[in-house]
């Protein structure tokens, strides 16, 4: 037709890809993307491990110091002594009850 630019494809088709058509791109191969993803995961895991280990050790030391300080507190020792005495009395009472119940 005169006045129209020549069409590159078959008559009646536009040059834009239709929905559902496959566009081939000579980009990355799936294996290189997989390798990059694995390396990224490993790097992230390693960084998280190192940072978590440092934070974990600091928190562990903080808890250990608090425990040592509390263990040496006379008020806590007194309370622990009372709890131990009550527990001993409860065990002794339970033993005597079981002993008298089994004699029948």
C-alpha atoms as a PDB file:
ATOM      1  CA  UNK A   1       0.000   0.000   0.000  1.00  0.00           C
ATOM      2  CA  UNK A   2       1.311   3.366  -0.823  1.00  0.00           C
ATOM      3  CA  UNK A   3       1.943   5.733   2.108  1.00  0.00           C
ATOM      4  CA  UNK A   4       2.471   2.969   4.690  1.00  0.00           C
ATOM      5  CA  UNK A   5       5.895   1.862   5.837  1.00  0.00           C
ATOM      6  CA  UNK A   6       6.729  -1.687   4.851  1.00  0.00           C
ATOM      7  CA  UNK A   7       5.812  -4.329   7.436  1.00  0.00           C
ATOM      8  CA  UNK A   8       8.557  -6.589   8.747  1.00  0.00           C
ATOM      9  CA  UNK A   9       6.363  -9.512   9.741  1.00  0.00           C
ATOM     10  CA  UNK A  10       3.516 -11.339   8.129  1.00  0.00           C
ATOM     11  CA  UNK A  11       0.575  -9.208   7.055  1.00  0.00           C
ATOM     12  CA  UNK A  12      -1.861  -8.399   9.876  1.00  0.00           C
ATOM     13  CA  UNK A  13       0.639  -8.888  12.730  1.00  0.00           C
ATOM     14  CA  UNK A  14       2.205  -6.164  14.822  1.00  0.00           C
ATOM     15  CA  UNK A  15       5.856  -6.143  15.856  1.00  0.00           C
ATOM     16  CA  UNK A  16       4.989  -6.197  19.600  1.00  0.00           C
ATOM     17  CA  UNK A  17       5.019  -9.636  21.198  1.00  0.00           C
ATOM     18  CA  UNK A  18       1.613 -11.080  21.870  1.00  0.00           C
ATOM     19  CA  UNK A  19       0.595 -12.193  25.365  1.00  0.00           C
ATOM     20  CA  UNK A  20       1.868 -15.674  26.081  1.00  0.00           C
ATOM     21  CA  UNK A  21       4.625 -15.530  23.494  1.00  0.00           C
ATOM     22  CA  UNK A  22       8.140 -16.418  24.585  1.00  0.00           C
ATOM     23  CA  UNK A  23      10.832 -13.764  24.452  1.00  0.00           C
ATOM     24  CA  UNK A  24      14.346 -15.147  24.321  1.00  0.00           C
ATOM     25  CA  UNK A  25      16.899 -13.066  26.149  1.00  0.00           C
ATOM     26  CA  UNK A  26      20.541 -14.068  26.014  1.00  0.00           C
ATOM     27  CA  UNK A  27      20.980 -13.054  29.674  1.00  0.00           C
ATOM     28  CA  UNK A  28      22.289 -15.162  32.548  1.00  0.00           C
ATOM     29  CA  UNK A  29      22.068 -18.888  32.477  1.00  0.00           C
ATOM     30  CA  UNK A  30      20.048 -20.515  35.290  1.00  0.00           C
ATOM     31  CA  UNK A  31      23.171 -22.130  36.704  1.00  0.00           C
ATOM     32  CA  UNK A  32      24.960 -18.794  37.178  1.00  0.00           C
ATOM     33  CA  UNK A  33      21.881 -17.363  38.920  1.00  0.00           C
ATOM     34  CA  UNK A  34      21.760 -20.420  41.156  1.00  0.00           C
ATOM     35  CA  UNK A  35      25.429 -20.058  42.057  1.00  0.00           C
ATOM     36  CA  UNK A  36      24.954 -16.369  42.895  1.00  0.00           C
ATOM     37  CA  UNK A  37      21.922 -17.216  45.051  1.00  0.00           C
ATOM     38  CA  UNK A  38      23.830 -19.924  46.920  1.00  0.00           C
ATOM     39  CA  UNK A  39      26.827 -17.655  47.498  1.00  0.00           C
ATOM     40  CA  UNK A  40      24.537 -14.884  48.755  1.00  0.00           C
ATOM     41  CA  UNK A  41      22.851 -17.302  51.157  1.00  0.00           C
ATOM     42  CA  UNK A  42      26.179 -18.581  52.452  1.00  0.00           C
ATOM     43  CA  UNK A  43      27.506 -15.045  52.945  1.00  0.00           C
ATOM     44  CA  UNK A  44      24.348 -14.008  54.808  1.00  0.00           C
ATOM     45  CA  UNK A  45      24.392 -17.132  56.955  1.00  0.00           C
ATOM     46  CA  UNK A  46      28.047 -16.602  57.828  1.00  0.00           C
ATOM     47  CA  UNK A  47      27.526 -12.956  58.777  1.00  0.00           C
ATOM     48  CA  UNK A  48      24.504 -13.845  60.909  1.00  0.00           C
ATOM     49  CA  UNK A  49      26.392 -16.632  62.632  1.00  0.00           C
ATOM     50  CA  UNK A  50      29.351 -14.415  63.514  1.00  0.00           C
ATOM     51  CA  UNK A  51      27.176 -11.548  64.766  1.00  0.00           C
ATOM     52  CA  UNK A  52      24.905 -13.914  66.687  1.00  0.00           C
ATOM     53  CA  UNK A  53      27.846 -15.683  68.305  1.00  0.00           C
ATOM     54  CA  UNK A  54      29.277 -12.402  69.519  1.00  0.00           C
ATOM     55  CA  UNK A  55      25.930 -11.247  70.893  1.00  0.00           C
ATOM     56  CA  UNK A  56      25.289 -14.681  72.404  1.00  0.00           C
ATOM     57  CA  UNK A  57      28.606 -14.752  74.242  1.00  0.00           C
ATOM     58  CA  UNK A  58      28.076 -11.272  75.655  1.00  0.00           C
ATOM     59  CA  UNK A  59      24.579 -12.198  76.864  1.00  0.00           C
ATOM     60  CA  UNK A  60      25.885 -15.463  78.337  1.00  0.00           C
ATOM     61  CA  UNK A  61      28.563 -13.588  80.279  1.00  0.00           C
ATOM     62  CA  UNK A  62      25.970 -11.095  81.523  1.00  0.00           C
ATOM     63  CA  UNK A  63      23.688 -13.896  82.790  1.00  0.00           C
ATOM     64  CA  UNK A  64      26.631 -15.717  84.383  1.00  0.00           C
ATOM     65  CA  UNK A  65      27.701 -12.573  86.280  1.00  0.00           C
ATOM     66  CA  UNK A  66      24.123 -11.971  87.492  1.00  0.00           C
ATOM     67  CA  UNK A  67      23.850 -15.593  88.683  1.00  0.00           C
ATOM     68  CA  UNK A  68      27.154 -15.397  90.548  1.00  0.00           C
ATOM     69  CA  UNK A  69      26.133 -12.114  92.177  1.00  0.00           C
ATOM     70  CA  UNK A  70      22.717 -13.501  93.194  1.00  0.00           C
ATOM     71  CA  UNK A  71      24.228 -16.751  94.490  1.00  0.00           C
ATOM     72  CA  UNK A  72      26.452 -14.806  96.873  1.00  0.00           C
ATOM     73  CA  UNK A  73      23.576 -12.622  98.178  1.00  0.00           C
ATOM     74  CA  UNK A  74      22.764 -13.545 101.812  1.00  0.00           C
ATOM     75  CA  UNK A  75      19.034 -12.837 101.306  1.00  0.00           C
ATOM     76  CA  UNK A  76      18.869 -15.379  98.490  1.00  0.00           C
ATOM     77  CA  UNK A  77      20.820 -17.924 100.533  1.00  0.00           C
ATOM     78  CA  UNK A  78      18.382 -17.507 103.412  1.00  0.00           C
ATOM     79  CA  UNK A  79      15.364 -17.933 101.129  1.00  0.00           C
ATOM     80  CA  UNK A  80      16.937 -20.987  99.501  1.00  0.00           C
ATOM     81  CA  UNK A  81      17.547 -22.504 102.928  1.00  0.00           C
ATOM     82  CA  UNK A  82      13.876 -22.041 103.878  1.00  0.00           C
ATOM     83  CA  UNK A  83      12.698 -23.567 100.594  1.00  0.00           C
ATOM     84  CA  UNK A  84      15.030 -26.538 101.095  1.00  0.00           C
ATOM     85  CA  UNK A  85      13.737 -27.081 104.648  1.00  0.00           C
ATOM     86  CA  UNK A  86      10.094 -27.012 103.459  1.00  0.00           C
ATOM     87  CA  UNK A  87      10.879 -29.404 100.604  1.00  0.00           C
ATOM     88  CA  UNK A  88      12.592 -31.803 103.013  1.00  0.00           C
ATOM     89  CA  UNK A  89       9.589 -31.649 105.355  1.00  0.00           C
ATOM     90  CA  UNK A  90       7.170 -32.317 102.470  1.00  0.00           C
ATOM     91  CA  UNK A  91       9.203 -35.316 101.286  1.00  0.00           C
ATOM     92  CA  UNK A  92       9.414 -36.693 104.822  1.00  0.00           C
ATOM     93  CA  UNK A  93       5.656 -36.254 105.289  1.00  0.00           C
ATOM     94  CA  UNK A  94       4.908 -37.959 101.980  1.00  0.00           C
ATOM     95  CA  UNK A  95       7.164 -40.869 102.874  1.00  0.00           C
ATOM     96  CA  UNK A  96       5.470 -41.356 106.240  1.00  0.00           C
ATOM     97  CA  UNK A  97       2.011 -41.250 104.630  1.00  0.00           C
ATOM     98  CA  UNK A  98       3.001 -43.809 102.004  1.00  0.00           C
ATOM     99  CA  UNK A  99       4.478 -45.992 104.712  1.00  0.00           C
ATOM    100  CA  UNK A 100       1.295 -45.975 106.775  1.00  0.00           C
ATOM    101  CA  UNK A 101      -0.973 -46.528 103.750  1.00  0.00           C
ATOM    102  CA  UNK A 102       0.940 -49.586 102.579  1.00  0.00           C
ATOM    103  CA  UNK A 103       0.739 -51.249 106.024  1.00  0.00           C
ATOM    104  CA  UNK A 104      -3.050 -51.801 105.776  1.00  0.00           C
END
